[in-house]
Amino acid sequence: MSFFSRLFGSKEKERPAVEERTVMNLKVKDIVTYDLEDYEVVGKLSYNDHGFKWYAYQLQGVSKVIWLSVEMDDELELGIYEKATLKLQEPLPKKIEHEGVLYYQDEHGTATVRGEGRSQNVDGAQCRYFSYYDDDDEKALSIEIWGNDVEASTGYEIEEYELKIIAGSQ
């Protein structure tokens, strides 16, 4: 340390390093650019079904809210989802038609959920989930049952290169 630095103090203070962001470690307040629009991560859901884990990030844009689904199965699987209006009752059928698309049930289970940001109200809750896909595996329908509430979302797969991530915090 030089004489002047000791006398006047250093102008540069050590800042903690910002963790490099990926789709696997996004945090609330990060910015995600998708399809030429910027979205702020305002909520995060971490699902755990007996050790199998995946994430859903609530992304707030200027004009809409979308969800980014992130799952590491044999390979990284990403999807963009938007809320859908469907009137469903239990037991859920094996096939569901919505907006002219026929979806077939692929998997289902129960997951414990950890919520952050806007999603913190479901922290520690359990939800039952059901995944449906069309004939071509191009369109997806996700259904989650939270107590008596049934929530549906439609979506599609995307590739990681379609996203740009900017850390909004450390």
Protein backbone atom coordinates (compact mmCIF):
# COMPACT_ATOMS: atom_id res chain seq x y z
CA MET A 1 0.00 0.00 0.00
CA SER A 2 1.46 3.35 -0.95
CA PHE A 3 1.97 6.28 1.41
CA PHE A 4 -0.87 8.29 -0.18
CA SER A 5 -3.27 5.35 -0.05
CA ARG A 6 -2.65 5.00 3.67
CA LEU A 7 -2.89 8.73 4.24
CA PHE A 8 -6.05 9.41 2.22
CA GLY A 9 -7.53 5.94 2.03
CA SER A 10 -8.00 3.89 -1.07
CA LYS A 11 -10.81 4.98 -3.36
CA GLU A 12 -11.37 1.42 -4.52
CA LYS A 13 -13.09 -0.77 -2.03
CA GLU A 14 -13.13 -4.47 -2.48
CA ARG A 15 -16.43 -5.61 -3.85
CA PRO A 16 -17.62 -9.16 -3.53
CA ALA A 17 -17.49 -10.99 -6.82
CA VAL A 18 -20.78 -11.35 -8.63
CA GLU A 19 -21.56 -14.99 -9.26
CA GLU A 20 -21.83 -15.76 -12.97
CA ARG A 21 -25.46 -16.43 -13.75
CA THR A 22 -26.79 -19.38 -15.68
CA VAL A 23 -30.31 -20.71 -16.05
CA MET A 24 -29.54 -23.02 -13.13
CA ASN A 25 -28.76 -20.25 -10.61
CA LEU A 26 -30.85 -17.21 -11.57
CA LYS A 27 -31.81 -14.96 -8.68
CA VAL A 28 -34.63 -12.54 -8.01
CA LYS A 29 -33.75 -9.14 -9.58
CA ASP A 30 -31.68 -10.66 -12.40
CA ILE A 31 -32.56 -9.59 -15.94
CA VAL A 32 -33.29 -12.14 -18.67
CA THR A 33 -33.57 -11.07 -22.29
CA TYR A 34 -35.71 -13.34 -24.44
CA ASP A 35 -37.17 -12.69 -27.88
CA LEU A 36 -35.85 -9.09 -27.87
CA GLU A 37 -37.61 -8.23 -24.61
CA ASP A 38 -36.11 -7.71 -21.16
CA TYR A 39 -37.69 -9.43 -18.18
CA GLU A 40 -36.90 -9.10 -14.49
CA VAL A 41 -36.82 -12.26 -12.39
CA VAL A 42 -39.48 -11.45 -9.79
CA GLY A 43 -40.12 -14.95 -8.44
CA LYS A 44 -38.45 -18.32 -8.28
CA LEU A 45 -39.92 -21.73 -7.53
CA SER A 46 -37.59 -24.64 -6.75
CA TYR A 47 -39.31 -28.01 -7.03
CA ASN A 48 -38.11 -31.25 -5.47
CA ASP A 49 -39.77 -34.59 -6.16
CA HIS A 50 -37.80 -37.17 -4.15
CA GLY A 51 -34.43 -35.71 -5.22
CA PHE A 52 -35.39 -34.79 -8.78
CA LYS A 53 -35.17 -30.98 -8.95
CA TRP A 54 -36.24 -28.29 -11.39
CA TYR A 55 -36.92 -24.55 -11.37
CA ALA A 56 -39.53 -22.10 -12.62
CA TYR A 57 -38.64 -18.41 -12.79
CA GLN A 58 -41.39 -15.78 -12.92
CA LEU A 59 -40.26 -13.16 -15.44
CA GLN A 60 -41.94 -9.74 -15.46
CA GLY A 61 -41.76 -7.88 -18.76
CA VAL A 62 -43.15 -4.51 -19.74
CA SER A 63 -46.41 -5.94 -21.04
CA LYS A 64 -46.64 -9.51 -19.76
CA VAL A 65 -45.47 -12.15 -17.32
CA ILE A 66 -43.91 -15.39 -18.54
CA TRP A 67 -42.36 -18.35 -16.76
CA LEU A 68 -39.00 -19.89 -17.60
CA SER A 69 -38.90 -23.60 -16.77
CA VAL A 70 -35.45 -25.12 -16.22
CA GLU A 71 -34.84 -28.83 -15.82
CA MET A 72 -31.65 -30.88 -15.97
CA ASP A 73 -32.70 -34.37 -17.00
CA ASP A 74 -30.32 -36.23 -19.30
CA GLU A 75 -29.73 -32.80 -20.82
CA LEU A 76 -30.78 -29.22 -20.11
CA GLU A 77 -34.45 -28.62 -20.93
CA LEU A 78 -35.83 -25.07 -21.06
CA GLY A 79 -39.36 -23.90 -21.68
CA ILE A 80 -41.32 -20.67 -21.81
CA TYR A 81 -44.82 -20.82 -20.32
CA GLU A 82 -47.78 -18.47 -20.03
CA LYS A 83 -50.86 -18.85 -17.88
CA ALA A 84 -53.78 -20.59 -19.60
CA THR A 85 -57.46 -20.46 -18.76
CA LEU A 86 -58.73 -24.02 -18.41
CA LYS A 87 -61.58 -25.35 -16.32
CA LEU A 88 -60.29 -28.66 -14.97
CA GLN A 89 -61.41 -31.00 -12.24
CA GLU A 90 -59.88 -34.04 -10.68
CA PRO A 91 -59.20 -36.66 -11.69
CA LEU A 92 -57.37 -35.08 -14.61
CA PRO A 93 -57.88 -36.78 -17.97
CA LYS A 94 -55.05 -38.43 -19.90
CA LYS A 95 -55.85 -36.18 -22.91
CA ILE A 96 -56.78 -32.49 -22.83
CA GLU A 97 -57.78 -30.31 -25.76
CA HIS A 98 -57.01 -26.60 -25.46
CA GLU A 99 -57.22 -23.99 -28.23
CA GLY A 100 -57.36 -26.68 -30.92
CA VAL A 101 -54.32 -28.60 -29.64
CA LEU A 102 -54.63 -32.10 -28.19
CA TYR A 103 -52.22 -32.73 -25.30
CA TYR A 104 -51.32 -36.15 -23.87
CA GLN A 105 -50.26 -36.70 -20.27
CA ASP A 106 -46.56 -37.55 -20.01
CA GLU A 107 -45.71 -37.50 -16.32
CA HIS A 108 -47.09 -36.53 -12.95
CA GLY A 109 -46.03 -36.46 -9.32
CA THR A 110 -45.86 -34.46 -6.13
CA ALA A 111 -43.13 -31.95 -5.34
CA THR A 112 -42.12 -29.91 -2.33
CA VAL A 113 -41.66 -26.30 -3.38
CA ARG A 114 -39.40 -23.53 -2.17
CA GLY A 115 -40.50 -20.05 -3.21
CA GLU A 116 -38.61 -16.76 -3.42
CA GLY A 117 -39.61 -13.21 -4.37
CA ARG A 118 -43.24 -12.96 -5.48
CA SER A 119 -43.45 -16.73 -5.10
CA GLN A 120 -42.47 -16.80 -1.42
CA ASN A 121 -46.09 -17.39 -0.40
CA VAL A 122 -45.77 -21.06 -1.46
CA ASP A 123 -42.47 -21.66 0.34
CA GLY A 124 -42.59 -25.10 1.92
CA ALA A 125 -45.83 -26.07 0.18
CA GLN A 126 -46.47 -29.20 -1.82
CA CYS A 127 -48.01 -29.27 -5.25
CA ARG A 128 -49.09 -32.01 -7.57
CA TYR A 129 -47.87 -31.53 -11.12
CA PHE A 130 -48.92 -32.96 -14.47
CA SER A 131 -47.02 -32.55 -17.75
CA TYR A 132 -48.75 -32.90 -21.12
CA TYR A 133 -47.33 -32.66 -24.67
CA ASP A 134 -48.83 -32.54 -28.14
CA ASP A 135 -48.19 -35.22 -30.81
CA ASP A 136 -45.04 -33.48 -32.05
CA ASP A 137 -43.62 -32.63 -28.58
CA GLU A 138 -43.58 -29.00 -29.72
CA LYS A 139 -46.24 -27.65 -27.37
CA ALA A 140 -46.58 -28.34 -23.67
CA LEU A 141 -49.32 -28.03 -21.09
CA SER A 142 -48.34 -27.83 -17.44
CA ILE A 143 -50.90 -28.31 -14.69
CA GLU A 144 -50.21 -27.75 -11.01
CA ILE A 145 -52.61 -28.40 -8.17
CA TRP A 146 -52.04 -26.30 -5.06
CA GLY A 147 -54.56 -27.46 -2.48
CA ASN A 148 -57.88 -26.78 -4.21
CA ASP A 149 -56.42 -24.44 -6.87
CA VAL A 150 -55.73 -25.86 -10.31
CA GLU A 151 -53.31 -23.77 -12.41
CA ALA A 152 -52.59 -24.40 -16.08
CA SER A 153 -49.90 -22.99 -18.37
CA THR A 154 -49.06 -23.58 -22.01
CA GLY A 155 -45.56 -23.44 -23.35
CA TYR A 156 -42.87 -24.60 -25.68
CA GLU A 157 -39.20 -25.55 -25.55
CA ILE A 158 -36.44 -23.05 -26.18
CA GLU A 159 -32.66 -23.28 -26.44
CA GLU A 160 -30.25 -21.75 -23.95
CA TYR A 161 -28.65 -19.52 -26.59
CA GLU A 162 -32.01 -17.70 -26.94
CA LEU A 163 -31.52 -16.17 -23.48
CA LYS A 164 -29.20 -13.45 -22.28
CA ILE A 165 -28.75 -13.11 -18.53
CA ILE A 166 -27.58 -10.06 -16.57
CA ALA A 167 -26.97 -10.41 -12.84
CA GLY A 168 -29.06 -7.93 -10.90
CA SER A 169 -27.46 -8.71 -7.56
CA GLN A 170 -24.53 -10.60 -6.09
